[in-house]
């Protein structure tokens, strides 16, 4: 499982994407799960990071799910019409 940091804003996004790509490369299995439960400070860049991770995971032939997505970020995803692209992990 890959874990998002407590703060993920525009300035943090490039480093976070880099970290997640490294994590994806080191993973095996049929699905990527991102743990977003630590997110406390974020903006719409967090959605962009999650969607990029979803694209990378798909390119590797893996499924994708998010665990612990904060309610405010779920609302933002719905507002932007991308909530369906960020399924909740079981």
N, C-alpha and C. Protein backbone atom coordinates (compact mmCIF):
# COMPACT_ATOMS: atom_id res chain seq x y z
N UNK A 1 0.84 -1.17 0.00
CA UNK A 1 0.00 0.00 0.00
C UNK A 1 0.89 1.24 0.00
N UNK A 2 0.51 2.20 -0.84
CA UNK A 2 1.23 3.46 -0.90
C UNK A 2 0.49 4.48 -0.05
N UNK A 3 1.22 5.37 0.60
CA UNK A 3 0.63 6.29 1.57
C UNK A 3 0.88 7.74 1.14
N UNK A 4 -0.19 8.53 1.16
CA UNK A 4 -0.06 9.95 0.88
C UNK A 4 0.37 10.70 2.14
N UNK A 5 1.10 11.80 1.98
CA UNK A 5 1.55 12.57 3.14
C UNK A 5 0.40 13.39 3.73
N UNK A 6 0.59 13.96 4.93
CA UNK A 6 -0.45 14.78 5.55
C UNK A 6 -0.77 16.06 4.78
N UNK A 7 0.22 16.57 4.04
CA UNK A 7 0.01 17.81 3.27
C UNK A 7 0.29 17.52 1.81
N UNK A 8 -0.69 17.87 0.96
CA UNK A 8 -0.52 17.65 -0.47
C UNK A 8 -1.19 18.80 -1.22
N UNK A 9 -0.39 19.82 -1.51
CA UNK A 9 -0.87 20.99 -2.23
C UNK A 9 -0.06 21.12 -3.52
N UNK A 10 -0.33 22.17 -4.25
CA UNK A 10 0.34 22.39 -5.55
C UNK A 10 1.85 22.28 -5.44
N UNK A 11 2.43 22.88 -4.43
CA UNK A 11 3.89 22.85 -4.26
C UNK A 11 4.42 21.45 -3.95
N UNK A 12 3.62 20.62 -3.31
CA UNK A 12 4.04 19.28 -2.90
C UNK A 12 3.80 18.23 -3.97
N UNK A 13 2.95 18.53 -4.94
CA UNK A 13 2.49 17.53 -5.91
C UNK A 13 3.61 16.87 -6.71
N UNK A 14 4.57 17.61 -7.30
CA UNK A 14 5.60 16.93 -8.10
C UNK A 14 6.41 15.90 -7.30
N UNK A 15 6.79 16.25 -6.08
CA UNK A 15 7.56 15.31 -5.25
C UNK A 15 6.71 14.10 -4.88
N UNK A 16 5.42 14.33 -4.63
CA UNK A 16 4.54 13.23 -4.26
C UNK A 16 4.34 12.28 -5.44
N UNK A 17 4.16 12.82 -6.63
CA UNK A 17 4.02 11.97 -7.83
C UNK A 17 5.29 11.15 -8.02
N UNK A 18 6.44 11.77 -7.85
CA UNK A 18 7.71 11.05 -7.98
C UNK A 18 7.79 9.91 -6.97
N UNK A 19 7.44 10.18 -5.72
CA UNK A 19 7.45 9.17 -4.67
C UNK A 19 6.51 8.01 -5.00
N UNK A 20 5.30 8.34 -5.47
CA UNK A 20 4.33 7.30 -5.80
C UNK A 20 4.79 6.46 -6.99
N UNK A 21 5.39 7.10 -7.98
CA UNK A 21 5.92 6.34 -9.12
C UNK A 21 6.97 5.34 -8.68
N UNK A 22 7.84 5.76 -7.78
CA UNK A 22 8.85 4.85 -7.26
C UNK A 22 8.19 3.70 -6.51
N UNK A 23 7.18 4.02 -5.72
CA UNK A 23 6.46 2.98 -4.99
C UNK A 23 5.76 2.01 -5.92
N UNK A 24 5.15 2.52 -6.98
CA UNK A 24 4.48 1.66 -7.95
C UNK A 24 5.46 0.71 -8.62
N UNK A 25 6.63 1.22 -8.95
CA UNK A 25 7.64 0.39 -9.62
C UNK A 25 8.10 -0.76 -8.74
N UNK A 26 8.07 -0.55 -7.43
CA UNK A 26 8.53 -1.59 -6.52
C UNK A 26 7.45 -2.54 -6.06
N UNK A 27 6.22 -2.32 -6.50
CA UNK A 27 5.10 -3.16 -6.07
C UNK A 27 4.87 -4.33 -7.01
N UNK A 28 4.30 -5.36 -6.45
CA UNK A 28 3.79 -6.47 -7.25
C UNK A 28 2.32 -6.63 -6.89
N UNK A 29 1.63 -7.43 -7.62
CA UNK A 29 0.22 -7.64 -7.33
C UNK A 29 -0.67 -7.08 -8.42
N UNK A 30 -1.94 -7.34 -8.26
CA UNK A 30 -2.89 -6.98 -9.32
C UNK A 30 -3.57 -5.63 -9.09
N UNK A 31 -3.34 -5.01 -7.92
CA UNK A 31 -4.00 -3.73 -7.65
C UNK A 31 -3.10 -2.81 -6.84
N UNK A 32 -3.27 -1.54 -7.09
CA UNK A 32 -2.59 -0.51 -6.31
C UNK A 32 -3.60 0.11 -5.36
N UNK A 33 -3.23 0.19 -4.09
CA UNK A 33 -4.08 0.84 -3.09
C UNK A 33 -3.30 2.01 -2.52
N UNK A 34 -3.95 3.17 -2.53
CA UNK A 34 -3.36 4.39 -1.98
C UNK A 34 -4.08 4.70 -0.67
N UNK A 35 -3.32 4.87 0.39
CA UNK A 35 -3.90 5.25 1.68
C UNK A 35 -3.85 6.77 1.81
N UNK A 36 -5.02 7.39 1.78
CA UNK A 36 -5.11 8.85 1.85
C UNK A 36 -5.58 9.33 3.22
N UNK A 37 -5.63 8.43 4.19
CA UNK A 37 -6.20 8.79 5.50
C UNK A 37 -5.39 9.83 6.26
N UNK A 38 -4.11 10.00 5.94
CA UNK A 38 -3.29 11.00 6.64
C UNK A 38 -3.50 12.41 6.10
N UNK A 39 -4.13 12.53 4.93
CA UNK A 39 -4.31 13.86 4.32
C UNK A 39 -5.10 14.79 5.24
N UNK A 40 -4.47 15.89 5.60
CA UNK A 40 -5.13 16.88 6.45
C UNK A 40 -5.19 18.24 5.75
N UNK A 41 -4.16 18.54 4.97
CA UNK A 41 -4.11 19.81 4.24
C UNK A 41 -3.89 19.49 2.77
N UNK A 42 -4.84 19.90 1.93
CA UNK A 42 -4.75 19.56 0.51
C UNK A 42 -5.54 20.55 -0.31
N UNK A 43 -5.28 20.54 -1.60
CA UNK A 43 -6.06 21.31 -2.55
C UNK A 43 -6.37 20.39 -3.72
N UNK A 44 -6.84 20.94 -4.81
CA UNK A 44 -7.21 20.09 -5.95
C UNK A 44 -6.02 19.34 -6.54
N UNK A 45 -4.82 19.75 -6.21
CA UNK A 45 -3.63 19.03 -6.68
C UNK A 45 -3.61 17.60 -6.16
N UNK A 46 -4.22 17.36 -5.01
CA UNK A 46 -4.29 16.00 -4.48
C UNK A 46 -5.06 15.09 -5.44
N UNK A 47 -6.11 15.64 -6.05
CA UNK A 47 -6.86 14.86 -7.04
C UNK A 47 -5.99 14.56 -8.26
N UNK A 48 -5.24 15.56 -8.70
CA UNK A 48 -4.36 15.36 -9.85
C UNK A 48 -3.33 14.27 -9.56
N UNK A 49 -2.80 14.26 -8.35
CA UNK A 49 -1.81 13.24 -7.97
C UNK A 49 -2.46 11.86 -7.97
N UNK A 50 -3.64 11.75 -7.39
CA UNK A 50 -4.33 10.46 -7.37
C UNK A 50 -4.66 9.98 -8.78
N UNK A 51 -5.11 10.88 -9.63
CA UNK A 51 -5.44 10.49 -11.00
C UNK A 51 -4.19 10.09 -11.78
N UNK A 52 -3.08 10.74 -11.54
CA UNK A 52 -1.83 10.34 -12.19
C UNK A 52 -1.40 8.96 -11.71
N UNK A 53 -1.55 8.71 -10.44
CA UNK A 53 -1.22 7.39 -9.90
C UNK A 53 -2.14 6.32 -10.49
N UNK A 54 -3.40 6.66 -10.68
CA UNK A 54 -4.35 5.73 -11.30
C UNK A 54 -3.91 5.42 -12.74
N UNK A 55 -3.49 6.46 -13.48
CA UNK A 55 -3.01 6.24 -14.86
C UNK A 55 -1.78 5.34 -14.89
N UNK A 56 -0.85 5.61 -13.99
CA UNK A 56 0.38 4.80 -13.92
C UNK A 56 0.03 3.35 -13.59
N UNK A 57 -0.87 3.17 -12.64
CA UNK A 57 -1.28 1.83 -12.23
C UNK A 57 -1.95 1.09 -13.39
N UNK A 58 -2.81 1.80 -14.11
CA UNK A 58 -3.49 1.21 -15.26
C UNK A 58 -2.48 0.82 -16.35
N UNK A 59 -1.49 1.67 -16.57
CA UNK A 59 -0.46 1.37 -17.57
C UNK A 59 0.32 0.11 -17.22
N UNK A 60 0.38 -0.20 -15.92
CA UNK A 60 1.06 -1.41 -15.47
C UNK A 60 0.11 -2.61 -15.43
N UNK A 61 -1.14 -2.39 -15.84
CA UNK A 61 -2.12 -3.47 -15.87
C UNK A 61 -2.70 -3.81 -14.51
N UNK A 62 -2.68 -2.85 -13.61
CA UNK A 62 -3.18 -3.08 -12.25
C UNK A 62 -4.47 -2.30 -12.01
N UNK A 63 -5.25 -2.79 -11.07
CA UNK A 63 -6.42 -2.07 -10.60
C UNK A 63 -5.98 -0.92 -9.71
N UNK A 64 -6.93 -0.13 -9.25
CA UNK A 64 -6.61 1.03 -8.44
C UNK A 64 -7.73 1.32 -7.47
N UNK A 65 -7.38 1.63 -6.22
CA UNK A 65 -8.38 2.00 -5.22
C UNK A 65 -7.73 2.93 -4.20
N UNK A 66 -8.57 3.69 -3.51
CA UNK A 66 -8.10 4.65 -2.50
C UNK A 66 -8.73 4.31 -1.17
N UNK A 67 -7.90 4.24 -0.15
CA UNK A 67 -8.37 3.97 1.22
C UNK A 67 -8.34 5.28 2.00
N UNK A 68 -9.39 5.55 2.74
CA UNK A 68 -9.41 6.69 3.65
C UNK A 68 -9.43 8.06 3.00
N UNK A 69 -10.08 8.18 1.86
CA UNK A 69 -10.16 9.48 1.20
C UNK A 69 -10.97 10.43 2.09
N UNK A 70 -10.38 11.58 2.47
CA UNK A 70 -11.12 12.52 3.33
C UNK A 70 -12.42 12.97 2.66
N UNK A 71 -13.47 13.14 3.45
CA UNK A 71 -14.76 13.56 2.90
C UNK A 71 -14.68 14.83 2.04
N UNK A 72 -13.91 15.81 2.46
CA UNK A 72 -13.79 17.04 1.67
C UNK A 72 -13.17 16.77 0.31
N UNK A 73 -12.21 15.85 0.25
CA UNK A 73 -11.59 15.53 -1.03
C UNK A 73 -12.55 14.72 -1.90
N UNK A 74 -13.34 13.85 -1.30
CA UNK A 74 -14.37 13.10 -2.03
C UNK A 74 -15.38 14.08 -2.64
N UNK A 75 -15.77 15.11 -1.87
CA UNK A 75 -16.70 16.12 -2.38
C UNK A 75 -16.09 16.89 -3.55
N UNK A 76 -14.82 17.21 -3.44
CA UNK A 76 -14.12 17.91 -4.52
C UNK A 76 -14.07 17.03 -5.77
N UNK A 77 -13.81 15.74 -5.58
CA UNK A 77 -13.79 14.80 -6.70
C UNK A 77 -15.15 14.73 -7.38
N UNK A 78 -16.21 14.75 -6.59
CA UNK A 78 -17.57 14.74 -7.15
C UNK A 78 -17.84 16.03 -7.93
N UNK A 79 -17.42 17.14 -7.36
CA UNK A 79 -17.60 18.44 -8.02
C UNK A 79 -16.92 18.46 -9.39
N UNK A 80 -15.73 17.88 -9.48
CA UNK A 80 -14.98 17.83 -10.73
C UNK A 80 -15.40 16.67 -11.64
N UNK A 81 -16.29 15.80 -11.15
CA UNK A 81 -16.78 14.69 -11.96
C UNK A 81 -15.82 13.53 -12.08
N UNK A 82 -14.90 13.38 -11.11
CA UNK A 82 -13.92 12.29 -11.18
C UNK A 82 -14.04 11.30 -10.03
N UNK A 83 -15.06 11.42 -9.22
CA UNK A 83 -15.21 10.54 -8.05
C UNK A 83 -15.24 9.06 -8.46
N UNK A 84 -15.84 8.76 -9.59
CA UNK A 84 -15.90 7.38 -10.06
C UNK A 84 -14.56 6.80 -10.43
N UNK A 85 -13.58 7.65 -10.65
CA UNK A 85 -12.23 7.19 -10.99
C UNK A 85 -11.39 6.87 -9.75
N UNK A 86 -11.96 7.17 -8.58
CA UNK A 86 -11.24 6.96 -7.32
C UNK A 86 -12.04 6.04 -6.41
N UNK A 87 -12.18 4.77 -6.79
CA UNK A 87 -12.99 3.85 -5.98
C UNK A 87 -12.38 3.62 -4.61
N UNK A 88 -13.26 3.41 -3.64
CA UNK A 88 -12.81 3.13 -2.27
C UNK A 88 -12.26 1.72 -2.17
N UNK A 89 -11.16 1.59 -1.45
CA UNK A 89 -10.57 0.26 -1.22
C UNK A 89 -11.45 -0.47 -0.20
N UNK A 90 -11.56 -1.79 -0.36
CA UNK A 90 -12.36 -2.57 0.61
C UNK A 90 -11.73 -2.59 1.98
